[in-house]
Amino acid sequence: MKYLITGGTGFIGSALVHRLAREGAQIRVLDNETRGSSHRLKDIFSKIELIKADIRDAAAVQQACQGIDRVCHLAYINGTEFFYSQPELVLDVAVKGMMNVIDGCIANKVPELILASSSEVYQTPPTTPTDEAAPLSIPDPLNPRYSYGGGKIISELMAINFGRKHFKRVIIFRPHNVYGPDMGYEHVIPQMSLRLKQLASTTKGDIDFPIEGTGKETRAFVYIDDFIDGLMAVINKGKHLEIYHIGTMEEVSIESVALEIGAYFKRSIRIVPGAIKPGGTLRRCPDISKIKQMGYNPRVSFKEGIGLTTKWYNEHGKK
């Protein structure tokens, strides 16, 4: 099986590439490394083909699709700060990238497409935990945050509707708050880790710790190793034109995230609530019943995973 992984130098993409390489797959990676970095793949350079190109470059994507059996399309602009500051870039990469991938697959008769989507497609769901049938929504098109979710909704619709005619198998997976060492810097866990590292070294006693929101907002975080287990289940067993939520059902408050990170530094902290950005979701947790039927069973507790992640940022963080 020969794979093309777009966005393969990113956090999730590189973890997938490593897993596939261990299993003996032939792998071609396409990434422009504006947010990813090939250093994540340096230990397996000899086992993969790496193409440095922009997903918006139609000719490069066409060429990358030659001789491929299965495309896993992960290239996208992630990181909440970019949704607000560069929404036009988020949408440009989303829509042009998806179209280029579909065109490249059709032109080269690639039979299978695996698409990375997001929990942001359903934003604030009507029920929690949330299954794959939740309605997709853009609550406010004037809010730049929804550039991300909007681009993912467009991508899902394109994959499904082109998939009916042109592909043997199209599958969509929705990651839910994947975290772990070297996940980047535009997310809540690394940002809190680095802020608390700095505060722990410069203050005494309890630490006053300002955050966005009250701290009672919740997420269900999934450690990268567990997530890749789930993604491999989807790739190997997923059905044509089906959608799968990948995550955990261990719902954790943002306050608890901060307290766990503080505990790593052996410090007590006091949460200082602040304003939440417009469009922020108060609660999110996936229903993973569907993927569990394929044998998926996340094993890493949040307490264990947050310790491993905070340790990495304490030792390697540069910001």
Protein backbone atom coordinates (compact mmCIF):
# COMPACT_ATOMS: atom_id res chain seq x y z
CA MET A 1 0.00 0.00 0.00
CA LYS A 2 1.45 3.37 -1.04
CA TYR A 3 0.28 6.40 0.94
CA LEU A 4 0.33 10.13 0.31
CA ILE A 5 0.09 12.04 3.61
CA THR A 6 -0.59 15.74 3.12
CA GLY A 7 0.43 17.78 6.15
CA GLY A 8 2.70 14.90 7.11
CA THR A 9 5.25 17.01 9.02
CA GLY A 10 2.57 18.34 11.38
CA PHE A 11 1.89 17.00 14.86
CA ILE A 12 -0.78 14.46 13.91
CA GLY A 13 0.54 13.88 10.39
CA SER A 14 4.05 12.97 11.55
CA ALA A 15 2.68 10.59 14.18
CA LEU A 16 0.66 8.85 11.46
CA VAL A 17 3.71 8.67 9.19
CA HIS A 18 5.74 7.04 11.97
CA ARG A 19 3.04 4.44 12.60
CA LEU A 20 2.66 3.61 8.90
CA ALA A 21 6.44 3.37 8.48
CA ARG A 22 6.64 0.90 11.36
CA GLU A 23 4.00 -1.19 9.64
CA GLY A 24 5.98 -1.28 6.38
CA ALA A 25 3.90 1.06 4.21
CA GLN A 26 5.40 3.07 1.35
CA ILE A 27 4.92 6.73 2.26
CA ARG A 28 5.10 10.02 0.39
CA VAL A 29 4.70 13.19 2.47
CA LEU A 30 3.65 16.56 1.04
CA ASP A 31 4.03 19.60 3.30
CA ASN A 32 5.30 23.16 2.90
CA GLU A 33 6.40 23.19 6.56
CA THR A 34 4.90 26.60 7.32
CA ARG A 35 3.58 25.09 10.55
CA GLY A 36 4.90 21.54 10.48
CA SER A 37 8.56 20.64 10.54
CA SER A 38 10.49 17.81 8.93
CA HIS A 39 12.52 17.45 12.15
CA ARG A 40 9.62 15.32 13.37
CA LEU A 41 10.50 12.78 10.66
CA LYS A 42 14.30 12.95 10.78
CA ASP A 43 14.61 9.44 12.22
CA ILE A 44 12.76 7.90 9.26
CA PHE A 45 13.95 10.05 6.32
CA SER A 46 15.39 6.94 4.67
CA LYS A 47 11.99 5.21 4.77
CA ILE A 48 9.85 7.97 3.24
CA GLU A 49 9.68 10.35 0.28
CA LEU A 50 9.32 13.98 1.34
CA ILE A 51 7.99 16.63 -1.04
CA LYS A 52 8.15 20.24 0.13
CA ALA A 53 5.22 21.95 -1.56
CA ASP A 54 2.08 23.96 -0.82
CA ILE A 55 -1.23 22.11 -0.86
CA ARG A 56 -2.57 25.04 -2.93
CA ASP A 57 -0.09 24.23 -5.73
CA ALA A 58 -2.27 22.16 -8.07
CA ALA A 59 0.62 20.87 -10.19
CA ALA A 60 2.58 19.72 -7.12
CA VAL A 61 -0.44 17.90 -5.71
CA GLN A 62 -1.16 16.26 -9.06
CA GLN A 63 2.40 14.97 -9.21
CA ALA A 64 2.34 13.82 -5.58
CA CYS A 65 -0.77 11.70 -6.28
CA GLN A 66 0.94 9.66 -9.00
CA GLY A 67 1.18 5.97 -8.13
CA ILE A 68 -0.68 6.40 -4.82
CA ASP A 69 -3.19 3.90 -3.42
CA ARG A 70 -4.49 5.94 -0.47
CA VAL A 71 -4.39 9.68 0.30
CA CYS A 72 -4.67 10.86 3.89
CA HIS A 73 -5.43 14.59 3.65
CA LEU A 74 -4.38 16.42 6.82
CA ALA A 75 -2.89 19.64 5.37
CA TYR A 76 -4.70 22.62 6.92
CA ILE A 77 -4.14 25.75 9.02
CA ASN A 78 -4.67 24.77 12.65
CA GLY A 79 -4.23 26.80 15.84
CA THR A 80 -7.04 28.94 17.25
CA GLU A 81 -5.07 32.19 17.04
CA PHE A 82 -4.91 31.82 13.24
CA PHE A 83 -8.70 31.44 12.96
CA TYR A 84 -9.07 34.97 14.31
CA SER A 85 -6.00 36.62 12.78
CA GLN A 86 -5.84 35.03 9.29
CA PRO A 87 -9.27 33.65 8.40
CA GLU A 88 -8.76 34.27 4.68
CA LEU A 89 -5.61 32.10 4.74
CA VAL A 90 -7.43 29.36 6.64
CA LEU A 91 -10.16 29.25 3.98
CA ASP A 92 -7.73 29.53 1.07
CA VAL A 93 -5.79 26.49 2.25
CA ALA A 94 -9.00 24.61 3.11
CA VAL A 95 -10.88 25.03 -0.15
CA LYS A 96 -8.04 25.10 -2.69
CA GLY A 97 -6.27 22.29 -0.87
CA MET A 98 -9.35 20.06 -0.85
CA MET A 99 -10.06 20.71 -4.52
CA ASN A 100 -6.47 20.02 -5.51
CA VAL A 101 -6.46 16.75 -3.59
CA ILE A 102 -9.71 15.59 -5.19
CA ASP A 103 -8.51 16.60 -8.67
CA GLY A 104 -5.17 14.89 -8.10
CA CYS A 105 -6.86 11.70 -6.93
CA ILE A 106 -9.30 11.62 -9.84
CA ALA A 107 -6.60 12.32 -12.45
CA ASN A 108 -4.39 9.56 -11.05
CA LYS A 109 -7.21 7.11 -10.28
CA VAL A 110 -6.43 7.02 -6.55
CA PRO A 111 -9.12 4.74 -5.08
CA GLU A 112 -9.14 5.88 -1.45
CA LEU A 113 -9.27 9.23 0.35
CA ILE A 114 -9.11 9.63 4.13
CA LEU A 115 -10.01 13.18 5.25
CA ALA A 116 -9.15 14.87 8.53
CA SER A 117 -12.06 17.00 9.70
CA SER A 118 -12.75 18.52 13.13
CA SER A 119 -15.16 18.79 16.04
CA GLU A 120 -15.47 22.45 15.01
CA VAL A 121 -17.86 21.42 12.22
CA TYR A 122 -20.64 21.04 14.77
CA GLN A 123 -19.31 23.80 17.05
CA THR A 124 -21.75 23.94 20.00
CA PRO A 125 -23.69 20.67 19.65
CA PRO A 126 -27.27 20.05 20.79
CA THR A 127 -26.19 17.04 22.89
CA THR A 128 -23.02 16.04 24.73
CA PRO A 129 -21.37 13.54 24.36
CA THR A 130 -21.78 14.17 20.64
CA ASP A 131 -22.06 11.49 17.99
CA GLU A 132 -21.36 11.69 14.25
CA ALA A 133 -24.96 12.59 13.37
CA ALA A 134 -24.82 16.04 15.04
CA PRO A 135 -25.91 18.83 12.67
CA LEU A 136 -23.10 20.94 11.24
CA SER A 137 -23.35 24.68 11.80
CA ILE A 138 -21.79 28.10 11.40
CA PRO A 139 -23.47 30.19 14.12
CA ASP A 140 -22.11 33.53 12.89
CA PRO A 141 -20.43 33.96 9.47
CA LEU A 142 -19.14 37.39 10.58
CA ASN A 143 -17.03 35.78 13.32
CA PRO A 144 -13.59 34.96 11.81
CA ARG A 145 -13.29 31.95 14.13
CA TYR A 146 -15.65 30.02 11.89
CA SER A 147 -13.22 30.19 8.98
CA TYR A 148 -11.79 26.96 10.39
CA GLY A 149 -15.06 25.11 10.95
CA GLY A 150 -16.48 26.45 7.69
CA GLY A 151 -13.50 25.18 5.73
CA LYS A 152 -13.86 21.76 7.34
CA ILE A 153 -17.59 21.62 6.54
CA ILE A 154 -16.82 22.45 2.89
CA SER A 155 -14.12 19.76 2.88
CA GLU A 156 -16.50 17.14 4.27
CA LEU A 157 -19.16 17.99 1.69
CA MET A 158 -16.66 17.85 -1.16
CA ALA A 159 -15.18 14.54 0.00
CA ILE A 160 -18.62 12.92 0.36
CA ASN A 161 -20.13 14.19 -2.88
CA PHE A 162 -17.09 13.60 -5.09
CA GLY A 163 -16.58 10.33 -3.22
CA ARG A 164 -19.87 8.89 -4.40
CA LYS A 165 -18.77 8.96 -8.03
CA HIS A 166 -14.99 8.93 -8.14
CA PHE A 167 -13.66 6.86 -5.23
CA LYS A 168 -13.84 3.29 -4.03
CA ARG A 169 -13.62 4.48 -0.42
CA VAL A 170 -13.85 7.91 1.21
CA ILE A 171 -13.70 8.16 5.00
CA ILE A 172 -13.86 11.23 7.27
CA PHE A 173 -12.42 11.30 10.78
CA ARG A 174 -12.91 14.08 13.33
CA PRO A 175 -10.11 14.49 15.92
CA HIS A 176 -11.17 15.79 19.32
CA ASN A 177 -8.50 17.78 21.18
CA VAL A 178 -5.44 15.69 20.38
CA TYR A 179 -2.43 16.56 22.52
CA GLY A 180 1.08 15.38 23.33
CA PRO A 181 4.77 16.34 23.18
CA ASP A 182 5.81 18.65 20.33
CA MET A 183 2.23 19.53 19.40
CA GLY A 184 3.08 23.13 18.53
CA TYR A 185 2.51 26.34 20.47
CA GLU A 186 -0.93 27.61 19.38
CA HIS A 187 -2.95 25.42 21.75
CA VAL A 188 -4.08 25.62 25.35
CA ILE A 189 -1.87 22.90 26.87
CA PRO A 190 1.51 24.10 25.53
CA GLN A 191 0.59 27.72 26.20
CA MET A 192 -0.33 26.97 29.80
CA SER A 193 2.76 24.79 30.25
CA LEU A 194 5.12 27.54 29.13
CA ARG A 195 3.35 30.28 31.07
CA LEU A 196 3.41 28.24 34.28
CA LYS A 197 7.05 27.30 33.74
CA GLN A 198 7.90 31.00 33.60
CA LEU A 199 5.70 31.92 36.58
CA ALA A 200 7.04 29.05 38.68
CA SER A 201 10.57 30.32 38.17
CA THR A 202 9.81 33.98 38.94
CA THR A 203 7.20 33.96 41.73
CA LYS A 204 6.85 32.52 45.21
CA GLY A 205 3.81 31.05 46.91
CA ASP A 206 0.52 30.42 45.15
CA ILE A 207 0.43 31.54 41.54
CA ASP A 208 -2.37 33.76 40.24
CA PHE A 209 -3.07 32.37 36.78
CA PRO A 210 -5.24 34.36 34.33
CA ILE A 211 -7.13 32.27 31.76
CA GLU A 212 -9.78 32.79 29.09
CA GLY A 213 -13.22 31.93 30.46
CA THR A 214 -14.17 30.74 33.93
CA GLY A 215 -12.16 27.53 33.85
CA LYS A 216 -15.33 25.44 34.09
CA GLU A 217 -15.42 24.97 30.31
CA THR A 218 -14.69 21.35 29.40
CA ARG A 219 -12.95 19.32 26.71
CA ALA A 220 -12.19 15.62 26.26
CA PHE A 221 -8.49 15.41 25.43
CA VAL A 222 -6.97 12.41 23.65
CA TYR A 223 -3.25 11.59 23.86
CA ILE A 224 -1.51 11.32 20.50
CA ASP A 225 -0.67 7.60 20.82
CA ASP A 226 -4.28 6.72 21.56
CA PHE A 227 -5.46 8.95 18.75
CA ILE A 228 -3.23 7.22 16.20
CA ASP A 229 -4.57 3.86 17.39
CA GLY A 230 -8.04 5.17 16.59
CA LEU A 231 -7.00 6.59 13.24
CA MET A 232 -5.43 3.28 12.20
CA ALA A 233 -8.69 1.52 13.11
CA VAL A 234 -10.54 3.96 10.86
CA ILE A 235 -8.06 3.52 8.00
CA ASN A 236 -8.12 -0.27 8.22
CA LYS A 237 -11.78 -0.89 9.01
CA GLY A 238 -13.72 2.27 8.16
CA LYS A 239 -16.57 2.10 5.65
CA HIS A 240 -17.11 4.14 2.50
CA LEU A 241 -18.75 7.55 3.09
CA GLU A 242 -18.74 7.12 6.86
CA ILE A 243 -17.65 9.63 9.53
CA TYR A 244 -15.84 8.68 12.74
CA HIS A 245 -15.20 10.65 15.93
CA ILE A 246 -11.81 9.91 17.50
CA GLY A 247 -11.12 10.99 21.06
CA THR A 248 -11.96 10.02 24.61
CA MET A 249 -14.99 10.46 26.81
CA GLU A 250 -12.91 11.63 29.80
CA GLU A 251 -14.29 15.17 30.09
CA VAL A 252 -11.87 17.59 31.78
CA SER A 253 -12.37 21.23 32.81
CA ILE A 254 -9.87 23.84 31.65
CA GLU A 255 -9.34 24.66 35.33
CA SER A 256 -8.28 21.05 35.91
CA VAL A 257 -5.82 21.31 33.01
CA ALA A 258 -4.16 24.30 34.67
CA LEU A 259 -4.11 22.61 38.08
CA GLU A 260 -2.48 19.46 36.66
CA ILE A 261 0.20 21.51 34.92
CA GLY A 262 0.77 23.48 38.12
CA ALA A 263 1.16 20.21 40.00
CA TYR A 264 3.93 19.18 37.59
CA PHE A 265 5.85 22.28 38.69
CA LYS A 266 4.92 21.54 42.33
CA ARG A 267 3.00 24.77 42.64
CA SER A 268 -0.52 25.66 43.72
CA ILE A 269 -2.38 28.05 41.45
CA ARG A 270 -5.42 30.31 41.72
CA ILE A 271 -7.48 30.63 38.56
CA VAL A 272 -8.16 34.22 37.50
CA PRO A 273 -11.15 34.12 35.12
CA GLY A 274 -11.18 36.26 31.98
CA ALA A 275 -13.20 36.94 28.86
CA ILE A 276 -13.70 34.07 26.44
CA LYS A 277 -13.27 34.72 22.71
CA PRO A 278 -16.52 35.04 20.74
CA GLY A 279 -17.60 31.62 19.53
CA GLY A 280 -15.81 29.65 22.22
CA THR A 281 -17.63 26.44 23.13
CA LEU A 282 -18.45 25.80 26.80
CA ARG A 283 -18.48 22.02 26.60
CA ARG A 284 -17.26 19.44 24.12
CA CYS A 285 -16.98 15.67 24.40
CA PRO A 286 -17.34 13.10 21.61
CA ASP A 287 -19.43 9.98 21.69
CA ILE A 288 -16.92 7.34 20.54
CA SER A 289 -19.32 4.38 20.52
CA LYS A 290 -18.99 3.99 16.74
CA ILE A 291 -15.20 3.66 16.65
CA LYS A 292 -15.12 1.51 19.79
CA GLN A 293 -17.03 -1.09 17.80
CA MET A 294 -13.86 -1.41 15.68
CA GLY A 295 -11.76 -2.23 18.73
CA TYR A 296 -10.62 1.28 19.67
CA ASN A 297 -9.93 1.65 23.39
CA PRO A 298 -7.92 4.70 24.53
CA ARG A 299 -5.53 3.78 27.35
CA VAL A 300 -3.61 6.92 28.37
CA SER A 301 -5.34 8.83 31.18
CA PHE A 302 -5.33 12.61 31.05
CA LYS A 303 -3.21 12.77 34.21
CA GLU A 304 -0.53 10.59 32.61
CA GLY A 305 -0.67 12.33 29.25
CA ILE A 306 -0.55 15.86 30.65
CA GLY A 307 2.52 14.92 32.68
CA LEU A 308 4.33 13.63 29.58
CA THR A 309 3.34 16.69 27.56
CA THR A 310 4.25 19.26 30.22
CA LYS A 311 7.60 17.52 30.74
CA TRP A 312 8.40 17.88 27.03
CA TYR A 313 7.56 21.60 26.97
CA ASN A 314 9.50 22.16 30.17
CA GLU A 315 12.57 20.58 28.59
CA HIS A 316 12.21 21.61 24.92
CA GLY A 317 9.85 24.59 24.73
CA LYS A 318 11.37 27.60 23.01
CA LYS A 319 8.68 30.22 23.53
